[in-house]
């Protein structure tokens, strides 16, 4: 499981949504 900081999550939100849809797990911290 990856940990992603909040700034990176804001920048790459659509990519992260796609990864989550594929079953990828990550924590936004």
PDB file of N, CA and C in Angstrom:
ATOM      1  N   UNK A   1       0.849  -1.185   0.000  1.00  0.00           N
ATOM      2  CA  UNK A   1       0.000   0.000   0.000  1.00  0.00           C
ATOM      3  C   UNK A   1       0.890   1.242   0.000  1.00  0.00           C
ATOM      4  N   UNK A   2       0.598   2.151  -0.900  1.00  0.00           N
ATOM      5  CA  UNK A   2       1.380   3.378  -1.017  1.00  0.00           C
ATOM      6  C   UNK A   2       0.808   4.462  -0.122  1.00  0.00           C
ATOM      7  N   UNK A   3       1.677   5.363   0.322  1.00  0.00           N
ATOM      8  CA  UNK A   3       1.242   6.560   1.035  1.00  0.00           C
ATOM      9  C   UNK A   3       1.537   7.762   0.150  1.00  0.00           C
ATOM     10  N   UNK A   4       0.526   8.578  -0.051  1.00  0.00           N
ATOM     11  CA  UNK A   4       0.629   9.730  -0.939  1.00  0.00           C
ATOM     12  C   UNK A   4       0.315  10.976  -0.131  1.00  0.00           C
ATOM     13  N   UNK A   5       1.164  11.993  -0.255  1.00  0.00           N
ATOM     14  CA  UNK A   5       0.884  13.203   0.516  1.00  0.00           C
ATOM     15  C   UNK A   5      -0.247  14.000  -0.136  1.00  0.00           C
ATOM     16  N   UNK A   6      -0.835  14.877   0.636  1.00  0.00           N
ATOM     17  CA  UNK A   6      -2.043  15.580   0.194  1.00  0.00           C
ATOM     18  C   UNK A   6      -1.770  16.451  -1.027  1.00  0.00           C
ATOM     19  N   UNK A   7      -0.603  17.055  -1.118  1.00  0.00           N
ATOM     20  CA  UNK A   7      -0.281  17.902  -2.277  1.00  0.00           C
ATOM     21  C   UNK A   7      -0.208  17.057  -3.547  1.00  0.00           C
ATOM     22  N   UNK A   8       0.457  15.908  -3.460  1.00  0.00           N
ATOM     23  CA  UNK A   8       0.542  15.013  -4.616  1.00  0.00           C
ATOM     24  C   UNK A   8      -0.840  14.500  -4.999  1.00  0.00           C
ATOM     25  N   UNK A   9      -1.670  14.207  -4.005  1.00  0.00           N
ATOM     26  CA  UNK A   9      -3.019  13.721  -4.283  1.00  0.00           C
ATOM     27  C   UNK A   9      -3.841  14.772  -5.029  1.00  0.00           C
ATOM     28  N   UNK A  10      -3.716  16.036  -4.640  1.00  0.00           N
ATOM     29  CA  UNK A  10      -4.445  17.099  -5.342  1.00  0.00           C
ATOM     30  C   UNK A  10      -3.973  17.219  -6.783  1.00  0.00           C
ATOM     31  N   UNK A  11      -2.667  17.072  -6.991  1.00  0.00           N
ATOM     32  CA  UNK A  11      -2.086  17.231  -8.319  1.00  0.00           C
ATOM     33  C   UNK A  11      -2.494  16.095  -9.247  1.00  0.00           C
ATOM     34  N   UNK A  12      -2.576  14.874  -8.698  1.00  0.00           N
ATOM     35  CA  UNK A  12      -2.779  13.681  -9.527  1.00  0.00           C
ATOM     36  C   UNK A  12      -4.094  12.976  -9.212  1.00  0.00           C
ATOM     37  N   UNK A  13      -5.104  13.730  -8.818  1.00  0.00           N
ATOM     38  CA  UNK A  13      -6.335  13.109  -8.336  1.00  0.00           C
ATOM     39  C   UNK A  13      -6.973  12.176  -9.355  1.00  0.00           C
ATOM     40  N   UNK A  14      -7.084  12.602 -10.596  1.00  0.00           N
ATOM     41  CA  UNK A  14      -7.759  11.751 -11.585  1.00  0.00           C
ATOM     42  C   UNK A  14      -6.990  10.455 -11.811  1.00  0.00           C
ATOM     43  N   UNK A  15      -5.656  10.514 -11.793  1.00  0.00           N
ATOM     44  CA  UNK A  15      -4.851   9.303 -11.942  1.00  0.00           C
ATOM     45  C   UNK A  15      -5.061   8.373 -10.750  1.00  0.00           C
ATOM     46  N   UNK A  16      -5.131   8.947  -9.546  1.00  0.00           N
ATOM     47  CA  UNK A  16      -5.341   8.136  -8.351  1.00  0.00           C
ATOM     48  C   UNK A  16      -6.715   7.480  -8.361  1.00  0.00           C
ATOM     49  N   UNK A  17      -7.719   8.184  -8.860  1.00  0.00           N
ATOM     50  CA  UNK A  17      -9.059   7.598  -8.971  1.00  0.00           C
ATOM     51  C   UNK A  17      -9.022   6.407  -9.923  1.00  0.00           C
ATOM     52  N   UNK A  18      -8.305   6.536 -11.034  1.00  0.00           N
ATOM     53  CA  UNK A  18      -8.170   5.419 -11.968  1.00  0.00           C
ATOM     54  C   UNK A  18      -7.479   4.234 -11.302  1.00  0.00           C
ATOM     55  N   UNK A  19      -6.418   4.491 -10.542  1.00  0.00           N
ATOM     56  CA  UNK A  19      -5.718   3.413  -9.848  1.00  0.00           C
ATOM     57  C   UNK A  19      -6.628   2.730  -8.834  1.00  0.00           C
ATOM     58  N   UNK A  20      -7.395   3.510  -8.099  1.00  0.00           N
ATOM     59  CA  UNK A  20      -8.314   2.943  -7.117  1.00  0.00           C
ATOM     60  C   UNK A  20      -9.357   2.072  -7.805  1.00  0.00           C
ATOM     61  N   UNK A  21      -9.828   2.504  -8.959  1.00  0.00           N
ATOM     62  CA  UNK A  21     -10.822   1.738  -9.707  1.00  0.00           C
ATOM     63  C   UNK A  21     -10.247   0.399 -10.163  1.00  0.00           C
ATOM     64  N   UNK A  22      -8.937   0.346 -10.372  1.00  0.00           N
ATOM     65  CA  UNK A  22      -8.274  -0.895 -10.776  1.00  0.00           C
ATOM     66  C   UNK A  22      -7.926  -1.768  -9.579  1.00  0.00           C
ATOM     67  N   UNK A  23      -8.219  -1.301  -8.368  1.00  0.00           N
ATOM     68  CA  UNK A  23      -7.979  -2.095  -7.173  1.00  0.00           C
ATOM     69  C   UNK A  23      -6.724  -1.720  -6.405  1.00  0.00           C
ATOM     70  N   UNK A  24      -6.034  -0.682  -6.827  1.00  0.00           N
ATOM     71  CA  UNK A  24      -4.831  -0.219  -6.121  1.00  0.00           C
ATOM     72  C   UNK A  24      -5.237   0.382  -4.771  1.00  0.00           C
ATOM     73  N   UNK A  25      -4.452   0.068  -3.737  1.00  0.00           N
ATOM     74  CA  UNK A  25      -4.714   0.629  -2.414  1.00  0.00           C
ATOM     75  C   UNK A  25      -3.667   1.684  -2.096  1.00  0.00           C
ATOM     76  N   UNK A  26      -4.090   2.778  -1.520  1.00  0.00           N
ATOM     77  CA  UNK A  26      -3.154   3.808  -1.078  1.00  0.00           C
ATOM     78  C   UNK A  26      -3.782   4.637   0.020  1.00  0.00           C
ATOM     79  N   UNK A  27      -2.920   5.323   0.748  1.00  0.00           N
ATOM     80  CA  UNK A  27      -3.340   6.201   1.842  1.00  0.00           C
ATOM     81  C   UNK A  27      -2.981   7.623   1.450  1.00  0.00           C
ATOM     82  N   UNK A  28      -3.925   8.535   1.580  1.00  0.00           N
ATOM     83  CA  UNK A  28      -3.644   9.957   1.374  1.00  0.00           C
ATOM     84  C   UNK A  28      -3.440  10.579   2.749  1.00  0.00           C
ATOM     85  N   UNK A  29      -2.236  11.090   2.975  1.00  0.00           N
ATOM     86  CA  UNK A  29      -1.889  11.604   4.300  1.00  0.00           C
ATOM     87  C   UNK A  29      -1.328  13.011   4.202  1.00  0.00           C
TER      88      UNK A  29
END
